[in-house]
Amino acid sequence: TVHQDFAAIGSGLVRVLLHRLAPSGDPSDADDMAGDDATHAE
């Protein structure tokens, strides 16, 4: 069968939404979110 990664899709949807919610121009917050994205991507 073709494996559809539902977990990656679901978590990806939330992370995209959180990036839209994050205030722009906030370096410390962006650093925390980027680190979290790297963990999730792995």
PDB file of all heavy atoms in Angstrom:
ATOM      1  N   THR A   1       0.824  -1.202   0.000  1.00  0.00           N
ATOM      2  CA  THR A   1       0.000   0.000   0.000  1.00  0.00           C
ATOM      3  C   THR A   1       0.859   1.254   0.000  1.00  0.00           C
ATOM      4  O   THR A   1       2.066   1.193   0.273  1.00  0.00           O
ATOM      5  CB  THR A   1      -0.946   0.007   1.216  1.00  0.00           C
ATOM      6  OG1 THR A   1      -1.884   1.084   1.107  1.00  0.00           O
ATOM      7  CG2 THR A   1      -0.169   0.177   2.510  1.00  0.00           C
ATOM      8  N   VAL A   2       0.237   2.367  -0.306  1.00  0.00           N
ATOM      9  CA  VAL A   2       0.903   3.669  -0.248  1.00  0.00           C
ATOM     10  C   VAL A   2       0.715   4.238   1.155  1.00  0.00           C
ATOM     11  O   VAL A   2      -0.418   4.401   1.615  1.00  0.00           O
ATOM     12  CB  VAL A   2       0.320   4.641  -1.295  1.00  0.00           C
ATOM     13  CG1 VAL A   2       0.973   6.023  -1.147  1.00  0.00           C
ATOM     14  CG2 VAL A   2       0.528   4.095  -2.707  1.00  0.00           C
ATOM     15  N   HIS A   3       1.811   4.490   1.825  1.00  0.00           N
ATOM     16  CA  HIS A   3       1.761   5.017   3.195  1.00  0.00           C
ATOM     17  C   HIS A   3       1.515   6.520   3.157  1.00  0.00           C
ATOM     18  O   HIS A   3       2.309   7.276   2.600  1.00  0.00           O
ATOM     19  CB  HIS A   3       3.067   4.724   3.921  1.00  0.00           C
ATOM     20  CG  HIS A   3       3.104   5.280   5.316  1.00  0.00           C
ATOM     21  ND1 HIS A   3       2.490   4.650   6.375  1.00  0.00           N
ATOM     22  CD2 HIS A   3       3.668   6.408   5.815  1.00  0.00           C
ATOM     23  CE1 HIS A   3       2.678   5.368   7.478  1.00  0.00           C
ATOM     24  NE2 HIS A   3       3.388   6.443   7.158  1.00  0.00           N
ATOM     25  N   GLN A   4       0.401   6.931   3.748  1.00  0.00           N
ATOM     26  CA  GLN A   4       0.080   8.346   3.871  1.00  0.00           C
ATOM     27  C   GLN A   4       0.379   8.761   5.320  1.00  0.00           C
ATOM     28  O   GLN A   4      -0.214   8.221   6.259  1.00  0.00           O
ATOM     29  CB  GLN A   4      -1.403   8.596   3.531  1.00  0.00           C
ATOM     30  CG  GLN A   4      -1.739  10.065   3.437  1.00  0.00           C
ATOM     31  CD  GLN A   4      -3.127  10.325   2.872  1.00  0.00           C
ATOM     32  OE1 GLN A   4      -3.511  11.462   2.720  1.00  0.00           O
ATOM     33  NE2 GLN A   4      -3.886   9.291   2.559  1.00  0.00           N
ATOM     34  N   ASP A   5       1.287   9.704   5.507  1.00  0.00           N
ATOM     35  CA  ASP A   5       1.759  10.065   6.844  1.00  0.00           C
ATOM     36  C   ASP A   5       0.790  11.047   7.491  1.00  0.00           C
ATOM     37  O   ASP A   5       0.990  12.259   7.477  1.00  0.00           O
ATOM     38  CB  ASP A   5       3.164  10.665   6.763  1.00  0.00           C
ATOM     39  CG  ASP A   5       3.857  10.687   8.117  1.00  0.00           C
ATOM     40  OD1 ASP A   5       3.148  10.612   9.133  1.00  0.00           O
ATOM     41  OD2 ASP A   5       5.097  10.771   8.151  1.00  0.00           O
ATOM     42  N   PHE A   6      -0.280  10.500   8.074  1.00  0.00           N
ATOM     43  CA  PHE A   6      -1.312  11.344   8.681  1.00  0.00           C
ATOM     44  C   PHE A   6      -0.764  12.164   9.849  1.00  0.00           C
ATOM     45  O   PHE A   6      -1.176  13.307  10.052  1.00  0.00           O
ATOM     46  CB  PHE A   6      -2.478  10.482   9.154  1.00  0.00           C
ATOM     47  CG  PHE A   6      -3.168   9.729   8.059  1.00  0.00           C
ATOM     48  CD1 PHE A   6      -3.101   8.345   7.985  1.00  0.00           C
ATOM     49  CD2 PHE A   6      -3.886  10.406   7.086  1.00  0.00           C
ATOM     50  CE1 PHE A   6      -3.736   7.648   6.970  1.00  0.00           C
ATOM     51  CE2 PHE A   6      -4.522   9.712   6.063  1.00  0.00           C
ATOM     52  CZ  PHE A   6      -4.450   8.333   6.009  1.00  0.00           C
ATOM     53  N   ALA A   7       0.154  11.586  10.611  1.00  0.00           N
ATOM     54  CA  ALA A   7       0.720  12.318  11.741  1.00  0.00           C
ATOM     55  C   ALA A   7       1.481  13.547  11.267  1.00  0.00           C
ATOM     56  O   ALA A   7       1.371  14.635  11.855  1.00  0.00           O
ATOM     57  CB  ALA A   7       1.636  11.398  12.551  1.00  0.00           C
ATOM     58  N   ALA A   8       2.266  13.396  10.203  1.00  0.00           N
ATOM     59  CA  ALA A   8       3.021  14.531   9.676  1.00  0.00           C
ATOM     60  C   ALA A   8       2.086  15.590   9.094  1.00  0.00           C
ATOM     61  O   ALA A   8       2.336  16.794   9.226  1.00  0.00           O
ATOM     62  CB  ALA A   8       4.006  14.059   8.610  1.00  0.00           C
ATOM     63  N   ILE A   9       1.003  15.155   8.455  1.00  0.00           N
ATOM     64  CA  ILE A   9       0.049  16.120   7.904  1.00  0.00           C
ATOM     65  C   ILE A   9      -0.622  16.898   9.028  1.00  0.00           C
ATOM     66  O   ILE A   9      -0.703  18.138   8.999  1.00  0.00           O
ATOM     67  CB  ILE A   9      -1.005  15.402   7.039  1.00  0.00           C
ATOM     68  CG1 ILE A   9      -0.359  14.792   5.792  1.00  0.00           C
ATOM     69  CG2 ILE A   9      -2.127  16.368   6.625  1.00  0.00           C
ATOM     70  CD1 ILE A   9      -1.259  13.859   5.018  1.00  0.00           C
ATOM     71  N   GLY A  10      -1.112  16.179  10.054  1.00  0.00           N
ATOM     72  CA  GLY A  10      -1.797  16.847  11.158  1.00  0.00           C
ATOM     73  C   GLY A  10      -0.904  17.806  11.905  1.00  0.00           C
ATOM     74  O   GLY A  10      -1.276  18.950  12.181  1.00  0.00           O
ATOM     75  N   SER A  11       0.320  17.347  12.249  1.00  0.00           N
ATOM     76  CA  SER A  11       1.230  18.234  12.969  1.00  0.00           C
ATOM     77  C   SER A  11       1.681  19.384  12.087  1.00  0.00           C
ATOM     78  O   SER A  11       1.846  20.523  12.551  1.00  0.00           O
ATOM     79  CB  SER A  11       2.434  17.456  13.493  1.00  0.00           C
ATOM     80  OG  SER A  11       3.162  16.873  12.435  1.00  0.00           O
ATOM     81  N   GLY A  12       1.843  19.128  10.787  1.00  0.00           N
ATOM     82  CA  GLY A  12       2.218  20.196   9.862  1.00  0.00           C
ATOM     83  C   GLY A  12       1.155  21.273   9.763  1.00  0.00           C
ATOM     84  O   GLY A  12       1.462  22.465   9.696  1.00  0.00           O
ATOM     85  N   LEU A  13      -0.109  20.868   9.755  1.00  0.00           N
ATOM     86  CA  LEU A  13      -1.208  21.841   9.712  1.00  0.00           C
ATOM     87  C   LEU A  13      -1.158  22.771  10.925  1.00  0.00           C
ATOM     88  O   LEU A  13      -1.304  23.990  10.797  1.00  0.00           O
ATOM     89  CB  LEU A  13      -2.551  21.104   9.682  1.00  0.00           C
ATOM     90  CG  LEU A  13      -2.921  20.445   8.356  1.00  0.00           C
ATOM     91  CD1 LEU A  13      -4.020  19.405   8.566  1.00  0.00           C
ATOM     92  CD2 LEU A  13      -3.353  21.485   7.336  1.00  0.00           C
ATOM     93  N   VAL A  14      -0.937  22.200  12.103  1.00  0.00           N
ATOM     94  CA  VAL A  14      -0.889  23.020  13.313  1.00  0.00           C
ATOM     95  C   VAL A  14       0.318  23.945  13.289  1.00  0.00           C
ATOM     96  O   VAL A  14       0.223  25.131  13.629  1.00  0.00           O
ATOM     97  CB  VAL A  14      -0.868  22.137  14.573  1.00  0.00           C
ATOM     98  CG1 VAL A  14      -0.669  22.992  15.827  1.00  0.00           C
ATOM     99  CG2 VAL A  14      -2.156  21.341  14.682  1.00  0.00           C
ATOM    100  N   ARG A  15       1.464  23.444  12.839  1.00  0.00           N
ATOM    101  CA  ARG A  15       2.662  24.283  12.841  1.00  0.00           C
ATOM    102  C   ARG A  15       2.536  25.432  11.849  1.00  0.00           C
ATOM    103  O   ARG A  15       2.993  26.545  12.120  1.00  0.00           O
ATOM    104  CB  ARG A  15       3.897  23.435  12.551  1.00  0.00           C
ATOM    105  CG  ARG A  15       4.177  22.400  13.644  1.00  0.00           C
ATOM    106  CD  ARG A  15       5.608  21.939  13.639  1.00  0.00           C
ATOM    107  NE  ARG A  15       6.040  21.425  12.356  1.00  0.00           N
ATOM    108  CZ  ARG A  15       5.814  20.195  11.938  1.00  0.00           C
ATOM    109  NH1 ARG A  15       5.119  19.357  12.668  1.00  0.00           N
ATOM    110  NH2 ARG A  15       6.276  19.800  10.770  1.00  0.00           N
ATOM    111  N   VAL A  16       1.919  25.183  10.694  1.00  0.00           N
ATOM    112  CA  VAL A  16       1.687  26.278   9.741  1.00  0.00           C
ATOM    113  C   VAL A  16       0.759  27.323  10.367  1.00  0.00           C
ATOM    114  O   VAL A  16       0.989  28.531  10.256  1.00  0.00           O
ATOM    115  CB  VAL A  16       1.093  25.740   8.426  1.00  0.00           C
ATOM    116  CG1 VAL A  16       0.604  26.886   7.547  1.00  0.00           C
ATOM    117  CG2 VAL A  16       2.132  24.916   7.674  1.00  0.00           C
ATOM    118  N   LEU A  17      -0.281  26.849  11.043  1.00  0.00           N
ATOM    119  CA  LEU A  17      -1.213  27.777  11.689  1.00  0.00           C
ATOM    120  C   LEU A  17      -0.506  28.587  12.779  1.00  0.00           C
ATOM    121  O   LEU A  17      -0.709  29.803  12.899  1.00  0.00           O
ATOM    122  CB  LEU A  17      -2.386  27.002  12.280  1.00  0.00           C
ATOM    123  CG  LEU A  17      -3.510  27.842  12.907  1.00  0.00           C
ATOM    124  CD1 LEU A  17      -4.135  28.771  11.879  1.00  0.00           C
ATOM    125  CD2 LEU A  17      -4.573  26.937  13.510  1.00  0.00           C
ATOM    126  N   LEU A  18       0.345  27.944  13.564  1.00  0.00           N
ATOM    127  CA  LEU A  18       1.044  28.654  14.632  1.00  0.00           C
ATOM    128  C   LEU A  18       1.994  29.705  14.081  1.00  0.00           C
ATOM    129  O   LEU A  18       2.164  30.773  14.680  1.00  0.00           O
ATOM    130  CB  LEU A  18       1.814  27.660  15.504  1.00  0.00           C
ATOM    131  CG  LEU A  18       0.959  26.714  16.353  1.00  0.00           C
ATOM    132  CD1 LEU A  18       1.840  25.767  17.144  1.00  0.00           C
ATOM    133  CD2 LEU A  18       0.043  27.489  17.280  1.00  0.00           C
ATOM    134  N   HIS A  19       2.602  29.436  12.938  1.00  0.00           N
ATOM    135  CA  HIS A  19       3.449  30.445  12.315  1.00  0.00           C
ATOM    136  C   HIS A  19       2.622  31.654  11.874  1.00  0.00           C
ATOM    137  O   HIS A  19       3.103  32.785  11.901  1.00  0.00           O
ATOM    138  CB  HIS A  19       4.208  29.854  11.128  1.00  0.00           C
ATOM    139  CG  HIS A  19       5.503  29.200  11.515  1.00  0.00           C
ATOM    140  ND1 HIS A  19       6.691  29.889  11.595  1.00  0.00           N
ATOM    141  CD2 HIS A  19       5.793  27.938  11.880  1.00  0.00           C
ATOM    142  CE1 HIS A  19       7.652  29.058  11.972  1.00  0.00           C
ATOM    143  NE2 HIS A  19       7.120  27.869  12.148  1.00  0.00           N
ATOM    144  N   ARG A  20       1.392  31.420  11.472  1.00  0.00           N
ATOM    145  CA  ARG A  20       0.527  32.541  11.109  1.00  0.00           C
ATOM    146  C   ARG A  20       0.107  33.329  12.344  1.00  0.00           C
ATOM    147  O   ARG A  20      -0.145  34.522  12.266  1.00  0.00           O
ATOM    148  CB  ARG A  20      -0.718  32.026  10.379  1.00  0.00           C
ATOM    149  CG  ARG A  20      -0.428  31.319   9.065  1.00  0.00           C
ATOM    150  CD  ARG A  20      -1.696  31.192   8.233  1.00  0.00           C
ATOM    151  NE  ARG A  20      -2.142  32.509   7.799  1.00  0.00           N
ATOM    152  CZ  ARG A  20      -3.374  32.761   7.354  1.00  0.00           C
ATOM    153  NH1 ARG A  20      -4.266  31.794   7.330  1.00  0.00           N
ATOM    154  NH2 ARG A  20      -3.706  33.964   6.962  1.00  0.00           N
ATOM    155  N   LEU A  21       0.009  32.647  13.475  1.00  0.00           N
ATOM    156  CA  LEU A  21      -0.398  33.314  14.711  1.00  0.00           C
ATOM    157  C   LEU A  21       0.755  34.033  15.399  1.00  0.00           C
ATOM    158  O   LEU A  21       0.525  34.966  16.170  1.00  0.00           O
ATOM    159  CB  LEU A  21      -0.975  32.284  15.690  1.00  0.00           C
ATOM    160  CG  LEU A  21      -2.255  31.572  15.261  1.00  0.00           C
ATOM    161  CD1 LEU A  21      -2.634  30.513  16.285  1.00  0.00           C
ATOM    162  CD2 LEU A  21      -3.391  32.572  15.091  1.00  0.00           C
ATOM    163  N   ALA A  22       2.002  33.600  15.139  1.00  0.00           N
ATOM    164  CA  ALA A  22       3.151  34.179  15.836  1.00  0.00           C
ATOM    165  C   ALA A  22       3.326  35.623  15.430  1.00  0.00           C
ATOM    166  O   ALA A  22       3.186  35.983  14.257  1.00  0.00           O
ATOM    167  CB  ALA A  22       4.411  33.382  15.507  1.00  0.00           C
ATOM    168  N   PRO A  23       3.620  36.522  16.395  1.00  0.00           N
ATOM    169  CA  PRO A  23       3.851  37.927  16.062  1.00  0.00           C
ATOM    170  C   PRO A  23       5.084  38.065  15.193  1.00  0.00           C
ATOM    171  O   PRO A  23       6.081  37.383  15.404  1.00  0.00           O
ATOM    172  CB  PRO A  23       4.054  38.584  17.426  1.00  0.00           C
ATOM    173  CG  PRO A  23       4.477  37.475  18.328  1.00  0.00           C
ATOM    174  CD  PRO A  23       3.778  36.241  17.823  1.00  0.00           C
ATOM    175  N   SER A  24       5.030  38.953  14.198  1.00  0.00           N
ATOM    176  CA  SER A  24       6.161  39.148  13.296  1.00  0.00           C
ATOM    177  C   SER A  24       7.220  40.009  13.973  1.00  0.00           C
ATOM    178  O   SER A  24       6.941  40.801  14.860  1.00  0.00           O
ATOM    179  CB  SER A  24       5.695  39.829  12.001  1.00  0.00           C
ATOM    180  OG  SER A  24       5.082  41.073  12.293  1.00  0.00           O
ATOM    181  N   GLY A  25       8.430  39.817  13.505  1.00  0.00           N
ATOM    182  CA  GLY A  25       9.513  40.641  13.999  1.00  0.00           C
ATOM    183  C   GLY A  25       9.909  40.348  15.425  1.00  0.00           C
ATOM    184  O   GLY A  25      10.434  41.223  16.115  1.00  0.00           O
ATOM    185  N   ASP A  26       9.693  39.172  15.924  1.00  0.00           N
ATOM    186  CA  ASP A  26      10.021  38.814  17.307  1.00  0.00           C
ATOM    187  C   ASP A  26      11.103  37.751  17.287  1.00  0.00           C
ATOM    188  O   ASP A  26      10.812  36.561  17.188  1.00  0.00           O
ATOM    189  CB  ASP A  26       8.771  38.293  18.016  1.00  0.00           C
ATOM    190  CG  ASP A  26       8.971  38.192  19.514  1.00  0.00           C
ATOM    191  OD1 ASP A  26      10.108  37.901  19.931  1.00  0.00           O
ATOM    192  OD2 ASP A  26       7.993  38.412  20.257  1.00  0.00           O
ATOM    193  N   PRO A  27      12.388  38.112  17.289  1.00  0.00           N
ATOM    194  CA  PRO A  27      13.472  37.154  17.077  1.00  0.00           C
ATOM    195  C   PRO A  27      13.481  36.018  18.083  1.00  0.00           C
ATOM    196  O   PRO A  27      13.672  34.862  17.712  1.00  0.00           O
ATOM    197  CB  PRO A  27      14.740  38.012  17.210  1.00  0.00           C
ATOM    198  CG  PRO A  27      14.289  39.422  16.987  1.00  0.00           C
ATOM    199  CD  PRO A  27      12.877  39.480  17.508  1.00  0.00           C
ATOM    200  N   SER A  28      13.242  36.308  19.362  1.00  0.00           N
ATOM    201  CA  SER A  28      13.329  35.233  20.356  1.00  0.00           C
ATOM    202  C   SER A  28      12.240  34.216  20.147  1.00  0.00           C
ATOM    203  O   SER A  28      12.458  33.009  20.274  1.00  0.00           O
ATOM    204  CB  SER A  28      13.240  35.818  21.771  1.00  0.00           C
ATOM    205  OG  SER A  28      11.994  36.475  21.958  1.00  0.00           O
ATOM    206  N   ASP A  29      11.038  34.676  19.805  1.00  0.00           N
ATOM    207  CA  ASP A  29       9.945  33.736  19.572  1.00  0.00           C
ATOM    208  C   ASP A  29      10.199  32.925  18.308  1.00  0.00           C
ATOM    209  O   ASP A  29       9.943  31.736  18.254  1.00  0.00           O
ATOM    210  CB  ASP A  29       8.624  34.487  19.456  1.00  0.00           C
ATOM    211  CG  ASP A  29       7.453  33.549  19.346  1.00  0.00           C
ATOM    212  OD1 ASP A  29       7.192  32.831  20.326  1.00  0.00           O
ATOM    213  OD2 ASP A  29       6.815  33.532  18.290  1.00  0.00           O
ATOM    214  N   ALA A  30      10.719  33.589  17.282  1.00  0.00           N
ATOM    215  CA  ALA A  30      11.006  32.885  16.027  1.00  0.00           C
ATOM    216  C   ALA A  30      12.042  31.795  16.254  1.00  0.00           C
ATOM    217  O   ALA A  30      11.955  30.704  15.701  1.00  0.00           O
ATOM    218  CB  ALA A  30      11.502  33.875  14.973  1.00  0.00           C
ATOM    219  N   ASP A  31      13.051  32.076  17.121  1.00  0.00           N
ATOM    220  CA  ASP A  31      14.063  31.070  17.397  1.00  0.00           C
ATOM    221  C   ASP A  31      13.453  29.848  18.059  1.00  0.00           C
ATOM    222  O   ASP A  31      13.763  28.713  17.714  1.00  0.00           O
ATOM    223  CB  ASP A  31      15.145  31.648  18.316  1.00  0.00           C
ATOM    224  CG  ASP A  31      16.051  32.616  17.572  1.00  0.00           C
ATOM    225  OD1 ASP A  31      16.013  32.588  16.328  1.00  0.00           O
ATOM    226  OD2 ASP A  31      16.766  33.386  18.232  1.00  0.00           O
ATOM    227  N   ASP A  32      12.555  30.064  19.045  1.00  0.00           N
ATOM    228  CA  ASP A  32      11.926  28.936  19.723  1.00  0.00           C
ATOM    229  C   ASP A  32      11.105  28.107  18.751  1.00  0.00           C
ATOM    230  O   ASP A  32      11.134  26.885  18.772  1.00  0.00           O
ATOM    231  CB  ASP A  32      11.022  29.429  20.858  1.00  0.00           C
ATOM    232  CG  ASP A  32      11.833  29.727  22.124  1.00  0.00           C
ATOM    233  OD1 ASP A  32      12.936  29.169  22.263  1.00  0.00           O
ATOM    234  OD2 ASP A  32      11.345  30.516  22.944  1.00  0.00           O
ATOM    235  N   MET A  33      10.327  28.758  17.874  1.00  0.00           N
ATOM    236  CA  MET A  33       9.480  28.032  16.928  1.00  0.00           C
ATOM    237  C   MET A  33      10.323  27.278  15.924  1.00  0.00           C
ATOM    238  O   MET A  33      10.007  26.163  15.537  1.00  0.00           O
ATOM    239  CB  MET A  33       8.542  29.011  16.207  1.00  0.00           C
ATOM    240  CG  MET A  33       7.457  29.587  17.105  1.00  0.00           C
ATOM    241  SD  MET A  33       6.407  28.297  17.803  1.00  0.00           S
ATOM    242  CE  MET A  33       5.616  27.716  16.314  1.00  0.00           C
ATOM    243  N   ALA A  34      11.444  27.895  15.481  1.00  0.00           N
ATOM    244  CA  ALA A  34      12.299  27.218  14.509  1.00  0.00           C
ATOM    245  C   ALA A  34      12.899  25.967  15.111  1.00  0.00           C
ATOM    246  O   ALA A  34      12.961  24.914  14.472  1.00  0.00           O
ATOM    247  CB  ALA A  34      13.407  28.159  14.040  1.00  0.00           C
ATOM    248  N   GLY A  35      13.335  26.042  16.366  1.00  0.00           N
ATOM    249  CA  GLY A  35      13.882  24.866  17.022  1.00  0.00           C
ATOM    250  C   GLY A  35      12.855  23.781  17.148  1.00  0.00           C
ATOM    251  O   GLY A  35      13.134  22.603  16.956  1.00  0.00           O
ATOM    252  N   ASP A  36      11.604  24.166  17.458  1.00  0.00           N
ATOM    253  CA  ASP A  36      10.537  23.180  17.584  1.00  0.00           C
ATOM    254  C   ASP A  36      10.228  22.540  16.245  1.00  0.00           C
ATOM    255  O   ASP A  36      10.010  21.346  16.149  1.00  0.00           O
ATOM    256  CB  ASP A  36       9.284  23.865  18.138  1.00  0.00           C
ATOM    257  CG  ASP A  36       8.155  22.874  18.355  1.00  0.00           C
ATOM    258  OD1 ASP A  36       8.361  21.906  19.082  1.00  0.00           O
ATOM    259  OD2 ASP A  36       7.082  23.103  17.779  1.00  0.00           O
ATOM    260  N   ASP A  37      10.236  23.346  15.153  1.00  0.00           N
ATOM    261  CA  ASP A  37       9.977  22.785  13.838  1.00  0.00           C
ATOM    262  C   ASP A  37      11.026  21.763  13.459  1.00  0.00           C
ATOM    263  O   ASP A  37      10.727  20.740  12.865  1.00  0.00           O
ATOM    264  CB  ASP A  37       9.975  23.904  12.785  1.00  0.00           C
ATOM    265  CG  ASP A  37       8.601  24.513  12.614  1.00  0.00           C
ATOM    266  OD1 ASP A  37       7.629  23.845  13.004  1.00  0.00           O
ATOM    267  OD2 ASP A  37       8.512  25.633  12.115  1.00  0.00           O
ATOM    268  N   ALA A  38      12.301  22.042  13.801  1.00  0.00           N
ATOM    269  CA  ALA A  38      13.360  21.105  13.462  1.00  0.00           C
ATOM    270  C   ALA A  38      13.137  19.778  14.175  1.00  0.00           C
ATOM    271  O   ALA A  38      13.323  18.707  13.592  1.00  0.00           O
ATOM    272  CB  ALA A  38      14.714  21.693  13.856  1.00  0.00           C
ATOM    273  N   THR A  39      12.704  19.842  15.432  1.00  0.00           N
ATOM    274  CA  THR A  39      12.427  18.619  16.184  1.00  0.00           C
ATOM    275  C   THR A  39      11.305  17.833  15.533  1.00  0.00           C
ATOM    276  O   THR A  39      11.396  16.625  15.339  1.00  0.00           O
ATOM    277  CB  THR A  39      12.034  18.965  17.629  1.00  0.00           C
ATOM    278  OG1 THR A  39      13.128  19.645  18.233  1.00  0.00           O
ATOM    279  CG2 THR A  39      11.738  17.702  18.421  1.00  0.00           C
ATOM    280  N   HIS A  40      10.219  18.532  15.173  1.00  0.00           N
ATOM    281  CA  HIS A  40       9.088  17.848  14.551  1.00  0.00           C
ATOM    282  C   HIS A  40       9.466  17.280  13.197  1.00  0.00           C
ATOM    283  O   HIS A  40       9.036  16.190  12.825  1.00  0.00           O
ATOM    284  CB  HIS A  40       7.914  18.812  14.401  1.00  0.00           C
ATOM    285  CG  HIS A  40       7.096  18.952  15.642  1.00  0.00           C
ATOM    286  ND1 HIS A  40       6.234  17.977  16.070  1.00  0.00           N
ATOM    287  CD2 HIS A  40       7.032  19.951  16.565  1.00  0.00           C
ATOM    288  CE1 HIS A  40       5.645  18.358  17.192  1.00  0.00           C
ATOM    289  NE2 HIS A  40       6.121  19.548  17.514  1.00  0.00           N
ATOM    290  N   ALA A  41      10.241  18.026  12.406  1.00  0.00           N
ATOM    291  CA  ALA A  41      10.612  17.551  11.076  1.00  0.00           C
ATOM    292  C   ALA A  41      11.408  16.262  11.177  1.00  0.00           C
ATOM    293  O   ALA A  41      11.209  15.333  10.402  1.00  0.00           O
ATOM    294  CB  ALA A  41      11.429  18.621  10.341  1.00  0.00           C
ATOM    295  N   GLU A  42      12.307  16.192  12.160  1.00  0.00           N
ATOM    296  CA  GLU A  42      13.080  14.961  12.349  1.00  0.00           C
ATOM    297  C   GLU A  42      12.172  13.827  12.783  1.00  0.00           C
ATOM    298  O   GLU A  42      12.258  12.718  12.277  1.00  0.00           O
ATOM    299  CB  GLU A  42      14.161  15.206  13.399  1.00  0.00           C
ATOM    300  CG  GLU A  42      15.049  13.989  13.639  1.00  0.00           C
ATOM    301  CD  GLU A  42      16.134  14.266  14.647  1.00  0.00           C
ATOM    302  OE1 GLU A  42      16.272  15.427  15.074  1.00  0.00           O
ATOM    303  OE2 GLU A  42      16.826  13.315  15.033  1.00  0.00           O
TER     304      GLU A  42
END
